[in-house]
């Protein structure tokens, strides 16, 4: 675009077979170990792509992911900001698990999460985990007084983006929280 190279990286968040086991590899470091290993792989692919295609000059990264892929994108976006390799990083993830014990509110990183969603609450906040960037929350029947209006608005946006209606499942959320407690 003009004098800037925009690189898009979209990670896979489902149907990934044995790799699913890394979801439980939390570790005892600053970052969720399993997500971080996958993020390191993605970062290497991005850097190799830049080298292979001899990309120089202004570079911007657009990255996205859902669920585990959102966690990988969250870590990768933070790392790419910290390296200074890109002039700008734009990261938009959904249903993002917690990734780090030392979250930084980087601009350009947005985590769209369900307030009561089990996936977005692991690893547990009591373990000290958060996410890089800014957390944005979808409406929750359990906590939002004006849920009906908010869910209609969310459904309109969801129809445009995903050609599907916004959903919230309070019964499922309740059962997950029972398990956690």
C-alpha atoms as a PDB file:
ATOM      1  CA  UNK A   1       0.000   0.000   0.000  1.00  0.00           C
ATOM      2  CA  UNK A   2       1.750   3.108  -1.271  1.00  0.00           C
ATOM      3  CA  UNK A   3       5.287   2.792   0.139  1.00  0.00           C
ATOM      4  CA  UNK A   4       4.325   0.370   2.941  1.00  0.00           C
ATOM      5  CA  UNK A   5       4.246  -3.432   2.944  1.00  0.00           C
ATOM      6  CA  UNK A   6       1.309  -4.826   4.906  1.00  0.00           C
ATOM      7  CA  UNK A   7       1.753  -8.390   6.112  1.00  0.00           C
ATOM      8  CA  UNK A   8      -1.336 -10.297   7.244  1.00  0.00           C
ATOM      9  CA  UNK A   9      -1.001 -13.252   9.611  1.00  0.00           C
ATOM     10  CA  UNK A  10      -4.086 -15.230  10.606  1.00  0.00           C
ATOM     11  CA  UNK A  11      -3.516 -18.221  12.854  1.00  0.00           C
ATOM     12  CA  UNK A  12      -5.528 -21.436  13.155  1.00  0.00           C
ATOM     13  CA  UNK A  13      -7.532 -21.860  16.355  1.00  0.00           C
ATOM     14  CA  UNK A  14      -9.362 -25.137  15.853  1.00  0.00           C
ATOM     15  CA  UNK A  15      -8.899 -28.502  14.210  1.00  0.00           C
ATOM     16  CA  UNK A  16      -5.231 -28.613  15.060  1.00  0.00           C
ATOM     17  CA  UNK A  17      -4.973 -32.177  16.429  1.00  0.00           C
ATOM     18  CA  UNK A  18      -2.251 -33.075  18.935  1.00  0.00           C
ATOM     19  CA  UNK A  19      -1.196 -29.429  19.135  1.00  0.00           C
ATOM     20  CA  UNK A  20      -4.299 -28.965  21.352  1.00  0.00           C
ATOM     21  CA  UNK A  21      -2.326 -30.384  24.298  1.00  0.00           C
ATOM     22  CA  UNK A  22      -0.249 -27.175  24.436  1.00  0.00           C
ATOM     23  CA  UNK A  23      -3.376 -25.411  25.749  1.00  0.00           C
ATOM     24  CA  UNK A  24      -2.655 -27.088  29.104  1.00  0.00           C
ATOM     25  CA  UNK A  25       1.077 -26.332  29.125  1.00  0.00           C
ATOM     26  CA  UNK A  26       0.848 -23.222  31.330  1.00  0.00           C
ATOM     27  CA  UNK A  27       4.303 -23.440  32.919  1.00  0.00           C
ATOM     28  CA  UNK A  28       5.528 -21.243  35.757  1.00  0.00           C
ATOM     29  CA  UNK A  29       7.070 -18.369  33.773  1.00  0.00           C
ATOM     30  CA  UNK A  30       5.843 -14.929  32.779  1.00  0.00           C
ATOM     31  CA  UNK A  31       3.934 -16.318  29.770  1.00  0.00           C
ATOM     32  CA  UNK A  32       1.686 -19.294  29.105  1.00  0.00           C
ATOM     33  CA  UNK A  33       4.319 -21.758  27.906  1.00  0.00           C
ATOM     34  CA  UNK A  34       2.271 -23.611  25.278  1.00  0.00           C
ATOM     35  CA  UNK A  35       0.896 -20.447  23.659  1.00  0.00           C
ATOM     36  CA  UNK A  36       4.342 -18.850  23.762  1.00  0.00           C
ATOM     37  CA  UNK A  37       5.970 -21.798  21.929  1.00  0.00           C
ATOM     38  CA  UNK A  38       3.391 -21.490  19.175  1.00  0.00           C
ATOM     39  CA  UNK A  39       3.862 -17.698  19.046  1.00  0.00           C
ATOM     40  CA  UNK A  40       7.611 -18.173  18.631  1.00  0.00           C
ATOM     41  CA  UNK A  41       6.919 -20.457  15.641  1.00  0.00           C
ATOM     42  CA  UNK A  42       4.644 -17.831  14.063  1.00  0.00           C
ATOM     43  CA  UNK A  43       7.185 -15.077  14.680  1.00  0.00           C
ATOM     44  CA  UNK A  44       9.857 -17.137  12.931  1.00  0.00           C
ATOM     45  CA  UNK A  45       7.535 -17.634   9.926  1.00  0.00           C
ATOM     46  CA  UNK A  46       6.877 -13.888   9.745  1.00  0.00           C
ATOM     47  CA  UNK A  47      10.577 -13.053   9.932  1.00  0.00           C
ATOM     48  CA  UNK A  48      11.438 -15.747   7.355  1.00  0.00           C
ATOM     49  CA  UNK A  49       8.740 -14.357   5.037  1.00  0.00           C
ATOM     50  CA  UNK A  50      10.275 -10.878   5.274  1.00  0.00           C
ATOM     51  CA  UNK A  51      13.741 -12.247   4.492  1.00  0.00           C
ATOM     52  CA  UNK A  52      12.569 -14.541   1.676  1.00  0.00           C
ATOM     53  CA  UNK A  53      10.748 -11.700  -0.087  1.00  0.00           C
ATOM     54  CA  UNK A  54      13.478  -9.118   0.639  1.00  0.00           C
ATOM     55  CA  UNK A  55      10.966  -6.778   2.261  1.00  0.00           C
ATOM     56  CA  UNK A  56      12.539  -3.521   3.376  1.00  0.00           C
ATOM     57  CA  UNK A  57      11.199  -0.094   4.244  1.00  0.00           C
ATOM     58  CA  UNK A  58       7.937   0.580   6.022  1.00  0.00           C
ATOM     59  CA  UNK A  59       6.127  -2.515   7.253  1.00  0.00           C
ATOM     60  CA  UNK A  60       2.808  -2.986   9.014  1.00  0.00           C
ATOM     61  CA  UNK A  61       1.502  -6.204  10.556  1.00  0.00           C
ATOM     62  CA  UNK A  62      -2.153  -7.135  10.650  1.00  0.00           C
ATOM     63  CA  UNK A  63      -2.762 -10.198  12.797  1.00  0.00           C
ATOM     64  CA  UNK A  64      -5.864 -12.012  13.948  1.00  0.00           C
ATOM     65  CA  UNK A  65      -6.977 -15.220  15.615  1.00  0.00           C
ATOM     66  CA  UNK A  66      -9.760 -16.882  17.571  1.00  0.00           C
ATOM     67  CA  UNK A  67      -9.421 -18.855  20.824  1.00  0.00           C
ATOM     68  CA  UNK A  68      -5.963 -20.452  21.027  1.00  0.00           C
ATOM     69  CA  UNK A  69      -5.039 -18.665  17.800  1.00  0.00           C
ATOM     70  CA  UNK A  70      -6.079 -15.435  19.521  1.00  0.00           C
ATOM     71  CA  UNK A  71      -3.636 -16.179  22.339  1.00  0.00           C
ATOM     72  CA  UNK A  72      -0.858 -16.868  19.830  1.00  0.00           C
ATOM     73  CA  UNK A  73      -1.684 -13.652  17.940  1.00  0.00           C
ATOM     74  CA  UNK A  74      -1.780 -11.706  21.236  1.00  0.00           C
ATOM     75  CA  UNK A  75       1.762 -12.790  22.144  1.00  0.00           C
ATOM     76  CA  UNK A  76       3.073 -12.382  18.598  1.00  0.00           C
ATOM     77  CA  UNK A  77       1.646  -8.865  18.295  1.00  0.00           C
ATOM     78  CA  UNK A  78       3.287  -7.823  21.584  1.00  0.00           C
ATOM     79  CA  UNK A  79       6.619  -9.302  20.505  1.00  0.00           C
ATOM     80  CA  UNK A  80       6.469  -7.634  17.094  1.00  0.00           C
ATOM     81  CA  UNK A  81       5.760  -4.271  18.755  1.00  0.00           C
ATOM     82  CA  UNK A  82       8.698  -4.792  21.117  1.00  0.00           C
ATOM     83  CA  UNK A  83      11.115  -5.728  18.310  1.00  0.00           C
ATOM     84  CA  UNK A  84      10.382  -2.561  16.346  1.00  0.00           C
ATOM     85  CA  UNK A  85      10.365  -4.644  13.142  1.00  0.00           C
ATOM     86  CA  UNK A  86       7.042  -3.071  12.113  1.00  0.00           C
ATOM     87  CA  UNK A  87       6.019   0.578  11.909  1.00  0.00           C
ATOM     88  CA  UNK A  88       2.546  -0.425  13.127  1.00  0.00           C
ATOM     89  CA  UNK A  89       0.934  -3.586  14.450  1.00  0.00           C
ATOM     90  CA  UNK A  90      -2.826  -4.097  14.253  1.00  0.00           C
ATOM     91  CA  UNK A  91      -4.075  -7.110  16.193  1.00  0.00           C
ATOM     92  CA  UNK A  92      -7.746  -8.057  16.506  1.00  0.00           C
ATOM     93  CA  UNK A  93      -8.497 -11.306  18.297  1.00  0.00           C
ATOM     94  CA  UNK A  94     -11.666 -12.972  19.595  1.00  0.00           C
ATOM     95  CA  UNK A  95     -12.235 -15.331  22.535  1.00  0.00           C
ATOM     96  CA  UNK A  96      -8.649 -14.771  23.702  1.00  0.00           C
ATOM     97  CA  UNK A  97      -7.294 -16.853  26.599  1.00  0.00           C
ATOM     98  CA  UNK A  98      -4.993 -15.135  29.083  1.00  0.00           C
ATOM     99  CA  UNK A  99      -1.382 -15.119  27.898  1.00  0.00           C
ATOM    100  CA  UNK A 100       0.947 -13.308  30.287  1.00  0.00           C
ATOM    101  CA  UNK A 101       1.596 -12.394  33.902  1.00  0.00           C
ATOM    102  CA  UNK A 102       3.013  -9.034  32.803  1.00  0.00           C
ATOM    103  CA  UNK A 103       0.388  -7.515  30.486  1.00  0.00           C
ATOM    104  CA  UNK A 104       1.128  -4.226  28.747  1.00  0.00           C
ATOM    105  CA  UNK A 105      -1.708  -2.137  27.272  1.00  0.00           C
ATOM    106  CA  UNK A 106      -0.130  -1.812  23.820  1.00  0.00           C
ATOM    107  CA  UNK A 107      -2.139   0.312  21.417  1.00  0.00           C
ATOM    108  CA  UNK A 108      -3.170  -1.619  18.329  1.00  0.00           C
ATOM    109  CA  UNK A 109      -3.897  -4.872  20.188  1.00  0.00           C
ATOM    110  CA  UNK A 110      -7.593  -5.582  20.816  1.00  0.00           C
ATOM    111  CA  UNK A 111      -8.950  -8.676  22.557  1.00  0.00           C
ATOM    112  CA  UNK A 112     -12.681  -9.159  21.982  1.00  0.00           C
ATOM    113  CA  UNK A 113     -13.897 -11.445  24.749  1.00  0.00           C
ATOM    114  CA  UNK A 114     -17.099 -12.733  26.273  1.00  0.00           C
ATOM    115  CA  UNK A 115     -17.312 -11.532  29.885  1.00  0.00           C
ATOM    116  CA  UNK A 116     -18.368 -14.933  31.138  1.00  0.00           C
ATOM    117  CA  UNK A 117     -16.661 -17.053  28.466  1.00  0.00           C
ATOM    118  CA  UNK A 118     -14.666 -19.917  29.966  1.00  0.00           C
ATOM    119  CA  UNK A 119     -11.945 -19.705  27.293  1.00  0.00           C
ATOM    120  CA  UNK A 120     -11.201 -16.047  28.040  1.00  0.00           C
ATOM    121  CA  UNK A 121     -10.853 -16.805  31.752  1.00  0.00           C
ATOM    122  CA  UNK A 122      -8.025 -19.347  31.469  1.00  0.00           C
ATOM    123  CA  UNK A 123      -5.416 -19.471  32.734  1.00  0.00           C
ATOM    124  CA  UNK A 124      -7.221 -18.253  35.812  1.00  0.00           C
ATOM    125  CA  UNK A 125      -6.898 -14.583  36.738  1.00  0.00           C
ATOM    126  CA  UNK A 126      -6.089 -15.770  40.300  1.00  0.00           C
ATOM    127  CA  UNK A 127      -2.899 -17.246  38.822  1.00  0.00           C
ATOM    128  CA  UNK A 128      -1.892 -13.739  37.780  1.00  0.00           C
ATOM    129  CA  UNK A 129      -2.543 -13.970  34.029  1.00  0.00           C
ATOM    130  CA  UNK A 130      -3.822 -11.221  31.765  1.00  0.00           C
ATOM    131  CA  UNK A 131      -3.532 -10.243  28.085  1.00  0.00           C
ATOM    132  CA  UNK A 132      -1.501  -7.713  26.111  1.00  0.00           C
ATOM    133  CA  UNK A 133      -3.414  -4.788  24.633  1.00  0.00           C
ATOM    134  CA  UNK A 134      -6.938  -3.711  25.418  1.00  0.00           C
ATOM    135  CA  UNK A 135      -9.762  -6.064  26.396  1.00  0.00           C
ATOM    136  CA  UNK A 136     -13.170  -5.358  24.882  1.00  0.00           C
ATOM    137  CA  UNK A 137     -16.185  -7.366  26.030  1.00  0.00           C
ATOM    138  CA  UNK A 138     -19.286  -8.591  24.248  1.00  0.00           C
ATOM    139  CA  UNK A 139     -22.615  -8.182  26.036  1.00  0.00           C
ATOM    140  CA  UNK A 140     -23.405 -10.553  28.866  1.00  0.00           C
ATOM    141  CA  UNK A 141     -26.910 -11.477  29.962  1.00  0.00           C
ATOM    142  CA  UNK A 142     -25.473 -12.219  33.392  1.00  0.00           C
ATOM    143  CA  UNK A 143     -23.965  -8.765  34.008  1.00  0.00           C
ATOM    144  CA  UNK A 144     -25.415  -6.139  31.626  1.00  0.00           C
ATOM    145  CA  UNK A 145     -28.633  -4.420  32.681  1.00  0.00           C
ATOM    146  CA  UNK A 146     -29.246  -3.250  29.099  1.00  0.00           C
ATOM    147  CA  UNK A 147     -28.369  -6.650  27.611  1.00  0.00           C
ATOM    148  CA  UNK A 148     -31.281  -6.733  25.129  1.00  0.00           C
ATOM    149  CA  UNK A 149     -30.202  -3.501  23.432  1.00  0.00           C
ATOM    150  CA  UNK A 150     -26.506  -4.399  23.543  1.00  0.00           C
ATOM    151  CA  UNK A 151     -27.125  -7.877  22.122  1.00  0.00           C
ATOM    152  CA  UNK A 152     -29.206  -6.444  19.246  1.00  0.00           C
ATOM    153  CA  UNK A 153     -26.324  -4.092  18.397  1.00  0.00           C
ATOM    154  CA  UNK A 154     -23.806  -6.932  18.709  1.00  0.00           C
ATOM    155  CA  UNK A 155     -25.972  -9.095  16.435  1.00  0.00           C
ATOM    156  CA  UNK A 156     -26.021  -6.388  13.756  1.00  0.00           C
ATOM    157  CA  UNK A 157     -22.230  -6.195  13.787  1.00  0.00           C
ATOM    158  CA  UNK A 158     -21.897  -9.989  13.901  1.00  0.00           C
ATOM    159  CA  UNK A 159     -24.199 -10.281  10.865  1.00  0.00           C
ATOM    160  CA  UNK A 160     -21.933  -7.944   8.901  1.00  0.00           C
ATOM    161  CA  UNK A 161     -18.675  -9.569   9.978  1.00  0.00           C
ATOM    162  CA  UNK A 162     -19.574 -13.256  10.297  1.00  0.00           C
ATOM    163  CA  UNK A 163     -23.010 -13.509   8.678  1.00  0.00           C
ATOM    164  CA  UNK A 164     -24.308 -14.941  11.942  1.00  0.00           C
ATOM    165  CA  UNK A 165     -26.119 -13.657  15.024  1.00  0.00           C
ATOM    166  CA  UNK A 166     -24.423 -12.845  18.308  1.00  0.00           C
ATOM    167  CA  UNK A 167     -24.997 -15.516  20.950  1.00  0.00           C
ATOM    168  CA  UNK A 168     -24.614 -15.725  24.722  1.00  0.00           C
ATOM    169  CA  UNK A 169     -25.265 -18.948  26.637  1.00  0.00           C
ATOM    170  CA  UNK A 170     -25.787 -18.137  30.334  1.00  0.00           C
ATOM    171  CA  UNK A 171     -26.458 -21.786  31.262  1.00  0.00           C
ATOM    172  CA  UNK A 172     -23.174 -22.960  29.728  1.00  0.00           C
ATOM    173  CA  UNK A 173     -21.322 -20.027  31.309  1.00  0.00           C
ATOM    174  CA  UNK A 174     -22.821 -20.863  34.706  1.00  0.00           C
ATOM    175  CA  UNK A 175     -21.746 -24.513  34.448  1.00  0.00           C
ATOM    176  CA  UNK A 176     -18.180 -23.555  33.477  1.00  0.00           C
ATOM    177  CA  UNK A 177     -17.981 -21.199  36.445  1.00  0.00           C
ATOM    178  CA  UNK A 178     -19.233 -23.947  38.751  1.00  0.00           C
ATOM    179  CA  UNK A 179     -16.386 -26.149  37.547  1.00  0.00           C
ATOM    180  CA  UNK A 180     -13.866 -23.357  38.106  1.00  0.00           C
ATOM    181  CA  UNK A 181     -15.071 -22.573  41.590  1.00  0.00           C
END
